[in-house]
Amino acid sequence: MNLDLLLTYLYVFVLATFLGLEIIRRVSPMLHTPLMSLTNAISAIAVVGSIVIAGEQKTTLTTVLGTLAVTASMINIVSGYLITYRMLSMFKKGKPVKR
């Protein structure tokens, strides 16, 4: 791979990382639930890609890494849905407490 191309990819990755951190840091708490839903959708795309990689079984390394990617993505999706459910339940009107 060309060194200039590798440096360009690295530059874009670092820039996207800092931009993503700044955007997420400045999100108000009321918007965290929609942001988590979007993150779950992105993780679902990662699951599909990692299933394809693991299913190809070209080498043992790609199969193992694909399986690890499926596992990590599924943990991310399930925990994201649990957090989203918990946050949404905080906004529901509950039954009045009997005294």
Protein backbone atom coordinates (compact mmCIF):
# COMPACT_ATOMS: atom_id res chain seq x y z
CA MET A 1 0.00 0.00 0.00
CA ASN A 2 1.25 3.46 -0.83
CA LEU A 3 2.54 5.43 2.19
CA ASP A 4 0.68 8.59 1.13
CA LEU A 5 -2.59 6.68 0.93
CA LEU A 6 -1.98 5.13 4.36
CA LEU A 7 -1.28 8.57 5.86
CA THR A 8 -4.46 9.93 4.26
CA TYR A 9 -6.51 7.10 5.79
CA LEU A 10 -4.89 7.69 9.17
CA TYR A 11 -5.58 11.43 8.94
CA VAL A 12 -9.25 10.86 8.11
CA PHE A 13 -9.58 8.33 10.94
CA VAL A 14 -8.05 10.66 13.54
CA LEU A 15 -10.11 13.62 12.32
CA ALA A 16 -13.33 11.56 12.41
CA THR A 17 -12.50 10.34 15.91
CA PHE A 18 -12.01 13.83 17.32
CA LEU A 19 -15.05 15.17 15.50
CA GLY A 20 -17.20 12.30 16.76
CA LEU A 21 -16.03 12.81 20.34
CA GLU A 22 -16.81 16.52 20.20
CA ILE A 23 -20.26 15.96 18.72
CA ILE A 24 -21.22 13.30 21.26
CA ARG A 25 -19.85 15.34 24.15
CA ARG A 26 -22.05 18.29 23.26
CA VAL A 27 -25.31 16.34 22.85
CA SER A 28 -27.95 17.33 25.38
CA PRO A 29 -29.24 14.55 27.67
CA MET A 30 -32.68 14.69 25.98
CA LEU A 31 -31.13 13.56 22.69
CA HIS A 32 -29.16 10.61 24.04
CA THR A 33 -31.97 8.12 23.35
CA PRO A 34 -32.22 8.93 19.60
CA LEU A 35 -28.43 8.89 19.43
CA MET A 36 -28.37 5.41 20.98
CA SER A 37 -30.95 4.22 18.44
CA LEU A 38 -28.74 5.45 15.62
CA THR A 39 -25.73 3.75 17.17
CA ASN A 40 -27.69 0.48 17.34
CA ALA A 41 -28.49 0.76 13.64
CA ILE A 42 -24.81 1.27 12.83
CA SER A 43 -23.92 -1.74 14.98
CA ALA A 44 -26.46 -3.82 13.09
CA ILE A 45 -24.60 -3.01 9.88
CA ALA A 46 -21.37 -4.09 11.58
CA VAL A 47 -22.99 -7.40 12.56
CA VAL A 48 -23.97 -8.12 8.97
CA GLY A 49 -20.46 -7.32 7.75
CA SER A 50 -18.79 -9.44 10.42
CA ILE A 51 -21.12 -12.38 9.71
CA VAL A 52 -20.09 -12.18 6.06
CA ILE A 53 -16.40 -12.13 7.00
CA ALA A 54 -16.74 -15.00 9.48
CA GLY A 55 -18.82 -17.02 7.01
CA GLU A 56 -16.29 -16.80 4.19
CA GLN A 57 -13.80 -18.92 6.18
CA LYS A 58 -10.88 -17.93 3.98
CA THR A 59 -8.35 -18.33 6.78
CA THR A 60 -8.54 -19.23 10.43
CA LEU A 61 -7.56 -15.68 11.39
CA THR A 62 -10.42 -14.08 9.45
CA THR A 63 -12.88 -16.59 10.87
CA VAL A 64 -11.76 -15.90 14.45
CA LEU A 65 -11.72 -12.12 13.96
CA GLY A 66 -15.11 -12.23 12.26
CA THR A 67 -16.55 -14.24 15.14
CA LEU A 68 -15.09 -11.79 17.67
CA ALA A 69 -16.58 -8.92 15.68
CA VAL A 70 -20.01 -10.59 15.68
CA THR A 71 -19.78 -11.09 19.45
CA ALA A 72 -18.67 -7.51 20.16
CA SER A 73 -21.32 -6.03 17.88
CA MET A 74 -24.09 -8.11 19.41
CA ILE A 75 -23.03 -7.10 22.93
CA ASN A 76 -23.12 -3.48 21.77
CA ILE A 77 -26.59 -3.84 20.24
CA VAL A 78 -28.14 -5.63 23.21
CA SER A 79 -26.68 -3.24 25.77
CA GLY A 80 -27.71 -0.28 23.62
CA TYR A 81 -31.29 -1.48 23.51
CA LEU A 82 -31.29 -2.08 27.27
CA ILE A 83 -29.98 1.43 27.91
CA THR A 84 -32.49 2.94 25.48
CA TYR A 85 -35.35 1.04 27.14
CA ARG A 86 -34.25 2.22 30.57
CA MET A 87 -33.95 5.82 29.45
CA LEU A 88 -37.36 5.77 27.79
CA SER A 89 -38.94 4.26 30.89
CA MET A 90 -37.64 7.22 32.89
CA PHE A 91 -39.85 9.54 30.82
CA LYS A 92 -43.05 7.50 31.24
CA LYS A 93 -45.58 8.65 33.76
CA GLY A 94 -45.64 6.13 36.54
CA LYS A 95 -48.46 5.11 38.81
CA PRO A 96 -48.86 7.39 41.80
CA VAL A 97 -47.32 6.07 44.95
CA LYS A 98 -49.90 5.09 47.58
CA ARG A 99 -49.19 6.42 51.02
